[in-house]
Amino acid sequence: MTSALLSLSALLAASALAAPAAGAAPQNDKPAAAPAGWERVDGAELARFAGSDGRTEAPAATGRSASAQADDSGTFALKSVRNGKFTATEKSYAAPDTGVLRARSATVTGAWEGFAFEWHEATQTYALKSLANNRYVAVEGNYTGNAQNVLRARSTGAGTWERFTLYYNEDVDRWALQSALNGRFVAMENSYTGPLQYALRARSLEVTGSWEQFELFEIAG
């Protein structure tokens, strides 16, 4: 896939594959509050950012991003601030980790690193659909151990498990995702080893630093 990656730094700037049973959502702690300096981003705002020029991420070609609509805000790549890697969908992983999201790619090479951000007006949240397997990203609240609350592209529909609040911090030009399922912020597990190294998990009560911070790049062209 030939694509141009444009940084969104302008101004402020049901389920398939072992879907959880109804009523199986875990008990949640008190949802994390938005930290100081971070603002929620709705569909119209993200569409406006996506429609403006930004920095070009080498080695992609330069270009102007395509316009995006409020109900389908655009296609993006998510880059971890912690390790400087783009998030990929591990569609070739064996069950139960099929579709796990990991920040492990040096560049955006194709659909593996692409995600459609779909705005849902009623809930004021986004659903992320992986271009690698055309599945929505879910937070695995029923998983246990180090995989609990891991992000996995495995759902054919979007409910609470697949919804996220998107935050932007203009001062540092960084983005954060908060799960609607458990109210936790998504972190990149840099210190993990094995196949879940660099996995994304909704496990942080607040944005403490680079673990929960991402850069967002539109895929255009």
C-alpha atoms as a PDB file:
ATOM      1  CA  MET A   1       0.000   0.000   0.000  1.00  0.00           C
ATOM      2  CA  THR A   2       1.471   3.345  -1.066  1.00  0.00           C
ATOM      3  CA  SER A   3       0.636   5.944   1.552  1.00  0.00           C
ATOM      4  CA  ALA A   4       1.564   9.344   2.887  1.00  0.00           C
ATOM      5  CA  LEU A   5       1.710   9.790   6.662  1.00  0.00           C
ATOM      6  CA  LEU A   6       0.771  13.220   7.948  1.00  0.00           C
ATOM      7  CA  SER A   7       1.230  14.123  11.622  1.00  0.00           C
ATOM      8  CA  LEU A   8      -1.868  15.607  13.274  1.00  0.00           C
ATOM      9  CA  SER A   9      -0.139  18.530  15.002  1.00  0.00           C
ATOM     10  CA  ALA A  10      -2.434  21.359  13.883  1.00  0.00           C
ATOM     11  CA  LEU A  11      -3.612  23.686  16.571  1.00  0.00           C
ATOM     12  CA  LEU A  12      -5.596  21.711  19.160  1.00  0.00           C
ATOM     13  CA  ALA A  13      -5.119  19.935  17.415  1.00  0.00           C
ATOM     14  CA  ALA A  14     -21.305  -8.273  17.931  1.00  0.00           C
ATOM     15  CA  SER A  15     -17.948  -9.555  18.240  1.00  0.00           C
ATOM     16  CA  ALA A  16     -16.368 -12.538  16.477  1.00  0.00           C
ATOM     17  CA  LEU A  17     -13.476 -14.876  17.331  1.00  0.00           C
ATOM     18  CA  ALA A  18     -14.404 -15.887  20.892  1.00  0.00           C
ATOM     19  CA  ALA A  19     -16.617 -12.900  21.591  1.00  0.00           C
ATOM     20  CA  PRO A  20     -17.514 -12.437  25.274  1.00  0.00           C
ATOM     21  CA  ALA A  21     -20.897 -13.606  26.426  1.00  0.00           C
ATOM     22  CA  ALA A  22     -23.548 -11.045  27.320  1.00  0.00           C
ATOM     23  CA  GLY A  23     -23.138  -9.768  30.838  1.00  0.00           C
ATOM     24  CA  ALA A  24     -19.581 -11.055  31.037  1.00  0.00           C
ATOM     25  CA  ALA A  25     -17.957  -7.652  31.462  1.00  0.00           C
ATOM     26  CA  PRO A  26     -15.643  -7.546  34.480  1.00  0.00           C
ATOM     27  CA  GLN A  27     -16.206  -5.342  37.500  1.00  0.00           C
ATOM     28  CA  ASN A  28     -14.635  -1.963  36.812  1.00  0.00           C
ATOM     29  CA  ASP A  29     -12.772   0.312  39.142  1.00  0.00           C
ATOM     30  CA  LYS A  30     -13.686   3.974  39.136  1.00  0.00           C
ATOM     31  CA  PRO A  31     -13.005   5.207  35.584  1.00  0.00           C
ATOM     32  CA  ALA A  32      -9.857   7.228  35.145  1.00  0.00           C
ATOM     33  CA  ALA A  33     -10.380  10.958  34.795  1.00  0.00           C
ATOM     34  CA  ALA A  34      -8.895  13.015  31.991  1.00  0.00           C
ATOM     35  CA  PRO A  35      -5.565  14.371  33.251  1.00  0.00           C
ATOM     36  CA  ALA A  36      -4.823  18.068  33.290  1.00  0.00           C
ATOM     37  CA  GLY A  37      -3.844  19.395  29.897  1.00  0.00           C
ATOM     38  CA  TRP A  38      -5.665  16.678  27.949  1.00  0.00           C
ATOM     39  CA  GLU A  39      -8.861  17.398  26.001  1.00  0.00           C
ATOM     40  CA  ARG A  40     -11.382  15.042  24.433  1.00  0.00           C
ATOM     41  CA  VAL A  41     -11.437  15.018  20.642  1.00  0.00           C
ATOM     42  CA  ASP A  42     -14.713  14.434  18.811  1.00  0.00           C
ATOM     43  CA  GLY A  43     -15.282  13.311  15.251  1.00  0.00           C
ATOM     44  CA  ALA A  44     -15.575  16.780  13.756  1.00  0.00           C
ATOM     45  CA  GLU A  45     -12.341  17.905  15.413  1.00  0.00           C
ATOM     46  CA  LEU A  46     -10.362  14.892  14.255  1.00  0.00           C
ATOM     47  CA  ALA A  47     -11.741  15.357  10.749  1.00  0.00           C
ATOM     48  CA  ARG A  48     -10.571  18.964  10.784  1.00  0.00           C
ATOM     49  CA  PHE A  49      -7.068  17.979  11.895  1.00  0.00           C
ATOM     50  CA  ALA A  50      -6.936  15.278   9.256  1.00  0.00           C
ATOM     51  CA  GLY A  51      -7.867  17.763   6.550  1.00  0.00           C
ATOM     52  CA  SER A  52      -4.898  20.047   7.249  1.00  0.00           C
ATOM     53  CA  ASP A  53      -1.280  19.743   6.208  1.00  0.00           C
ATOM     54  CA  GLY A  54       1.209  18.397   8.725  1.00  0.00           C
ATOM     55  CA  ARG A  55       4.709  17.022   9.063  1.00  0.00           C
ATOM     56  CA  THR A  56       5.547  14.153   6.748  1.00  0.00           C
ATOM     57  CA  GLU A  57       6.872  10.983   8.351  1.00  0.00           C
ATOM     58  CA  ALA A  58       9.829   9.659   6.346  1.00  0.00           C
ATOM     59  CA  PRO A  59      10.129   7.621   4.211  1.00  0.00           C
ATOM     60  CA  ALA A  60       6.562   8.181   3.067  1.00  0.00           C
ATOM     61  CA  ALA A  61       5.842  10.489   0.168  1.00  0.00           C
ATOM     62  CA  THR A  62       4.721  14.039   0.842  1.00  0.00           C
ATOM     63  CA  GLY A  63       1.171  15.028   0.127  1.00  0.00           C
ATOM     64  CA  ARG A  64      -2.017  16.509   1.443  1.00  0.00           C
ATOM     65  CA  SER A  65      -4.313  14.297   3.431  1.00  0.00           C
ATOM     66  CA  ALA A  66      -7.728  13.338   2.176  1.00  0.00           C
ATOM     67  CA  SER A  67     -10.707  14.980   3.840  1.00  0.00           C
ATOM     68  CA  ALA A  68     -12.574  12.964   6.473  1.00  0.00           C
ATOM     69  CA  GLN A  69     -16.159  12.929   7.630  1.00  0.00           C
ATOM     70  CA  ALA A  70     -17.381  13.235  11.208  1.00  0.00           C
ATOM     71  CA  ASP A  71     -19.013   9.784  11.123  1.00  0.00           C
ATOM     72  CA  ASP A  72     -15.944   8.152   9.567  1.00  0.00           C
ATOM     73  CA  SER A  73     -13.042  10.270  10.697  1.00  0.00           C
ATOM     74  CA  GLY A  74     -10.206   8.749   8.728  1.00  0.00           C
ATOM     75  CA  THR A  75      -7.496   6.114   8.585  1.00  0.00           C
ATOM     76  CA  PHE A  76      -4.479   6.461  10.847  1.00  0.00           C
ATOM     77  CA  ALA A  77      -1.273   4.904  12.107  1.00  0.00           C
ATOM     78  CA  LEU A  78      -0.578   4.904  15.848  1.00  0.00           C
ATOM     79  CA  LYS A  79       3.034   5.410  16.909  1.00  0.00           C
ATOM     80  CA  SER A  80       4.167   4.734  20.468  1.00  0.00           C
ATOM     81  CA  VAL A  81       6.112   7.558  22.085  1.00  0.00           C
ATOM     82  CA  ARG A  82       7.742   5.035  24.399  1.00  0.00           C
ATOM     83  CA  ASN A  83       9.626   3.034  21.757  1.00  0.00           C
ATOM     84  CA  GLY A  84       9.052   5.049  18.568  1.00  0.00           C
ATOM     85  CA  LYS A  85       7.364   2.122  16.791  1.00  0.00           C
ATOM     86  CA  PHE A  86       4.095   1.963  14.861  1.00  0.00           C
ATOM     87  CA  THR A  87       1.297  -0.281  16.104  1.00  0.00           C
ATOM     88  CA  ALA A  88       0.632  -3.394  14.010  1.00  0.00           C
ATOM     89  CA  THR A  89      -2.124  -5.997  14.069  1.00  0.00           C
ATOM     90  CA  GLU A  90      -0.664  -9.461  14.599  1.00  0.00           C
ATOM     91  CA  LYS A  91      -3.208 -11.242  12.412  1.00  0.00           C
ATOM     92  CA  SER A  92      -0.932 -14.277  11.978  1.00  0.00           C
ATOM     93  CA  TYR A  93      -0.678 -14.960  15.723  1.00  0.00           C
ATOM     94  CA  ALA A  94      -2.313 -18.175  16.915  1.00  0.00           C
ATOM     95  CA  ALA A  95      -5.357 -18.153  19.199  1.00  0.00           C
ATOM     96  CA  PRO A  96      -5.997 -16.709  21.718  1.00  0.00           C
ATOM     97  CA  ASP A  97      -3.690 -13.865  20.648  1.00  0.00           C
ATOM     98  CA  THR A  98      -4.861 -13.564  17.033  1.00  0.00           C
ATOM     99  CA  GLY A  99      -5.088  -9.877  16.151  1.00  0.00           C
ATOM    100  CA  VAL A 100      -3.165  -8.537  19.167  1.00  0.00           C
ATOM    101  CA  LEU A 101      -1.969  -4.944  18.719  1.00  0.00           C
ATOM    102  CA  ARG A 102       1.784  -4.404  19.162  1.00  0.00           C
ATOM    103  CA  ALA A 103       3.971  -1.311  18.682  1.00  0.00           C
ATOM    104  CA  ARG A 104       6.709  -3.081  16.733  1.00  0.00           C
ATOM    105  CA  SER A 105       6.974  -1.612  13.201  1.00  0.00           C
ATOM    106  CA  ALA A 106       9.674   0.885  12.231  1.00  0.00           C
ATOM    107  CA  THR A 107       7.556   2.209   9.350  1.00  0.00           C
ATOM    108  CA  VAL A 108       4.057   1.857   7.969  1.00  0.00           C
ATOM    109  CA  THR A 109       4.518  -0.897   5.413  1.00  0.00           C
ATOM    110  CA  GLY A 110       0.865  -1.593   4.633  1.00  0.00           C
ATOM    111  CA  ALA A 111      -2.463  -2.589   6.147  1.00  0.00           C
ATOM    112  CA  TRP A 112      -0.822  -4.146   9.223  1.00  0.00           C
ATOM    113  CA  GLU A 113      -0.253  -0.660  10.697  1.00  0.00           C
ATOM    114  CA  GLY A 114      -3.472   1.004   9.495  1.00  0.00           C
ATOM    115  CA  PHE A 115      -6.619   1.664  11.547  1.00  0.00           C
ATOM    116  CA  ALA A 116      -9.899   3.316  10.584  1.00  0.00           C
ATOM    117  CA  PHE A 117     -11.098   5.628  13.356  1.00  0.00           C
ATOM    118  CA  GLU A 118     -14.913   5.586  13.302  1.00  0.00           C
ATOM    119  CA  TRP A 119     -16.734   8.239  15.340  1.00  0.00           C
ATOM    120  CA  HIS A 120     -19.934   7.263  17.184  1.00  0.00           C
ATOM    121  CA  GLU A 121     -22.022  10.326  17.994  1.00  0.00           C
ATOM    122  CA  ALA A 122     -24.350   8.675  20.520  1.00  0.00           C
ATOM    123  CA  THR A 123     -21.538   7.533  22.811  1.00  0.00           C
ATOM    124  CA  GLN A 124     -19.022  10.258  21.885  1.00  0.00           C
ATOM    125  CA  THR A 125     -16.399   7.560  21.346  1.00  0.00           C
ATOM    126  CA  TYR A 126     -14.303   6.028  18.575  1.00  0.00           C
ATOM    127  CA  ALA A 127     -14.124   2.468  17.311  1.00  0.00           C
ATOM    128  CA  LEU A 128     -10.840   1.384  15.722  1.00  0.00           C
ATOM    129  CA  LYS A 129     -11.017  -1.038  12.799  1.00  0.00           C
ATOM    130  CA  SER A 130      -7.830  -2.766  11.696  1.00  0.00           C
ATOM    131  CA  LEU A 131      -7.091  -2.667   7.972  1.00  0.00           C
ATOM    132  CA  ALA A 132      -5.101  -5.898   8.342  1.00  0.00           C
ATOM    133  CA  ASN A 133      -8.110  -8.118   9.065  1.00  0.00           C
ATOM    134  CA  ASN A 134     -11.110  -5.759   8.884  1.00  0.00           C
ATOM    135  CA  ARG A 135     -11.941  -6.376  12.553  1.00  0.00           C
ATOM    136  CA  TYR A 136     -12.669  -3.901  15.330  1.00  0.00           C
ATOM    137  CA  VAL A 137     -10.192  -3.542  18.177  1.00  0.00           C
ATOM    138  CA  ALA A 138     -11.527  -4.846  21.492  1.00  0.00           C
ATOM    139  CA  VAL A 139     -10.219  -4.646  25.058  1.00  0.00           C
ATOM    140  CA  GLU A 140      -9.979  -8.211  26.365  1.00  0.00           C
ATOM    141  CA  GLY A 141     -11.422  -7.666  29.843  1.00  0.00           C
ATOM    142  CA  ASN A 142     -11.907 -11.388  30.416  1.00  0.00           C
ATOM    143  CA  TYR A 143      -8.285 -12.299  29.789  1.00  0.00           C
ATOM    144  CA  THR A 144      -6.113 -12.928  32.841  1.00  0.00           C
ATOM    145  CA  GLY A 145      -2.482 -12.366  33.788  1.00  0.00           C
ATOM    146  CA  ASN A 146      -0.228 -10.263  31.592  1.00  0.00           C
ATOM    147  CA  ALA A 147      -2.752 -10.381  28.753  1.00  0.00           C
ATOM    148  CA  GLN A 148      -5.633  -8.895  30.741  1.00  0.00           C
ATOM    149  CA  ASN A 149      -7.133  -5.884  28.922  1.00  0.00           C
ATOM    150  CA  VAL A 150      -4.883  -6.400  25.896  1.00  0.00           C
ATOM    151  CA  LEU A 151      -6.101  -4.763  22.679  1.00  0.00           C
ATOM    152  CA  ARG A 152      -7.048  -7.240  19.962  1.00  0.00           C
ATOM    153  CA  ALA A 153      -8.565  -6.718  16.498  1.00  0.00           C
ATOM    154  CA  ARG A 154     -11.133  -9.521  16.553  1.00  0.00           C
ATOM    155  CA  SER A 155     -14.693  -8.101  16.519  1.00  0.00           C
ATOM    156  CA  THR A 156     -17.145  -7.776  13.628  1.00  0.00           C
ATOM    157  CA  GLY A 157     -19.189  -5.142  15.466  1.00  0.00           C
ATOM    158  CA  ALA A 158     -18.502  -2.313  17.905  1.00  0.00           C
ATOM    159  CA  GLY A 159     -19.907  -2.206  21.443  1.00  0.00           C
ATOM    160  CA  THR A 160     -18.493  -1.070  24.775  1.00  0.00           C
ATOM    161  CA  TRP A 161     -15.574  -3.498  24.479  1.00  0.00           C
ATOM    162  CA  GLU A 162     -14.547  -1.799  21.211  1.00  0.00           C
ATOM    163  CA  ARG A 163     -15.023   1.872  22.083  1.00  0.00           C
ATOM    164  CA  PHE A 164     -12.430   4.457  23.117  1.00  0.00           C
ATOM    165  CA  THR A 165     -12.283   8.101  24.098  1.00  0.00           C
ATOM    166  CA  LEU A 166      -9.564   9.985  22.247  1.00  0.00           C
ATOM    167  CA  TYR A 167      -7.587  12.710  24.049  1.00  0.00           C
ATOM    168  CA  TYR A 168      -5.119  15.261  22.741  1.00  0.00           C
ATOM    169  CA  ASN A 169      -2.505  17.320  24.617  1.00  0.00           C
ATOM    170  CA  GLU A 170      -1.565  20.395  22.603  1.00  0.00           C
ATOM    171  CA  ASP A 171       1.407  21.279  24.827  1.00  0.00           C
ATOM    172  CA  VAL A 172       3.266  18.049  24.019  1.00  0.00           C
ATOM    173  CA  ASP A 173       1.476  17.191  20.738  1.00  0.00           C
ATOM    174  CA  ARG A 174       0.527  13.731  21.976  1.00  0.00           C
ATOM    175  CA  TRP A 175      -2.583  11.528  21.906  1.00  0.00           C
ATOM    176  CA  ALA A 176      -4.069   9.081  24.427  1.00  0.00           C
ATOM    177  CA  LEU A 177      -6.812   6.451  24.270  1.00  0.00           C
ATOM    178  CA  GLN A 178      -9.166   5.567  27.126  1.00  0.00           C
ATOM    179  CA  SER A 179     -11.171   2.342  27.059  1.00  0.00           C
ATOM    180  CA  ALA A 180     -14.930   2.631  27.466  1.00  0.00           C
ATOM    181  CA  LEU A 181     -14.958  -0.868  28.971  1.00  0.00           C
ATOM    182  CA  ASN A 182     -12.830  -0.286  32.052  1.00  0.00           C
ATOM    183  CA  GLY A 183     -12.030   3.440  32.009  1.00  0.00           C
ATOM    184  CA  ARG A 184      -8.300   2.734  31.753  1.00  0.00           C
ATOM    185  CA  PHE A 185      -5.805   4.422  29.444  1.00  0.00           C
ATOM    186  CA  VAL A 186      -4.029   2.359  26.804  1.00  0.00           C
ATOM    187  CA  ALA A 187      -0.344   1.713  27.541  1.00  0.00           C
ATOM    188  CA  MET A 188       2.414   0.083  25.484  1.00  0.00           C
ATOM    189  CA  GLU A 189       4.059  -2.769  27.387  1.00  0.00           C
ATOM    190  CA  ASN A 190       7.682  -1.981  26.604  1.00  0.00           C
ATOM    191  CA  SER A 191       9.070  -4.211  29.360  1.00  0.00           C
ATOM    192  CA  TYR A 192       7.194  -7.354  28.322  1.00  0.00           C
ATOM    193  CA  THR A 193       9.101 -10.206  26.687  1.00  0.00           C
ATOM    194  CA  GLY A 194       8.044 -12.818  24.177  1.00  0.00           C
ATOM    195  CA  PRO A 195       5.133 -12.491  21.724  1.00  0.00           C
ATOM    196  CA  LEU A 196       3.376  -9.837  23.840  1.00  0.00           C
ATOM    197  CA  GLN A 197       6.358  -7.493  23.957  1.00  0.00           C
ATOM    198  CA  TYR A 198       5.167  -3.994  23.017  1.00  0.00           C
ATOM    199  CA  ALA A 199       1.514  -5.090  23.267  1.00  0.00           C
ATOM    200  CA  LEU A 200      -1.105  -2.401  23.865  1.00  0.00           C
ATOM    201  CA  ARG A 201      -3.170  -2.817  27.055  1.00  0.00           C
ATOM    202  CA  ALA A 202      -5.894  -0.691  28.657  1.00  0.00           C
ATOM    203  CA  ARG A 203      -4.424  -0.783  32.159  1.00  0.00           C
ATOM    204  CA  SER A 204      -3.330   2.705  33.327  1.00  0.00           C
ATOM    205  CA  LEU A 205      -5.358   4.864  35.721  1.00  0.00           C
ATOM    206  CA  GLU A 206      -3.800   7.999  34.282  1.00  0.00           C
ATOM    207  CA  VAL A 207      -1.428   9.210  31.607  1.00  0.00           C
ATOM    208  CA  THR A 208       1.828   8.955  33.536  1.00  0.00           C
ATOM    209  CA  GLY A 209       4.211   9.513  30.630  1.00  0.00           C
ATOM    210  CA  SER A 210       5.410   7.995  27.377  1.00  0.00           C
ATOM    211  CA  TRP A 211       3.868   4.583  28.147  1.00  0.00           C
ATOM    212  CA  GLU A 212       0.377   5.974  27.467  1.00  0.00           C
ATOM    213  CA  GLN A 213       1.272   8.571  24.832  1.00  0.00           C
ATOM    214  CA  PHE A 214       1.069   8.147  21.072  1.00  0.00           C
ATOM    215  CA  GLU A 215       1.593  10.082  17.882  1.00  0.00           C
ATOM    216  CA  LEU A 216      -1.200   9.890  15.341  1.00  0.00           C
ATOM    217  CA  PHE A 217      -0.507   9.943  11.593  1.00  0.00           C
ATOM    218  CA  GLU A 218      -3.097  10.001   8.865  1.00  0.00           C
ATOM    219  CA  ILE A 219      -2.639   7.496   6.065  1.00  0.00           C
ATOM    220  CA  ALA A 220      -3.438   9.237   2.791  1.00  0.00           C
ATOM    221  CA  GLY A 221      -2.919   8.668  -0.866  1.00  0.00           C
END
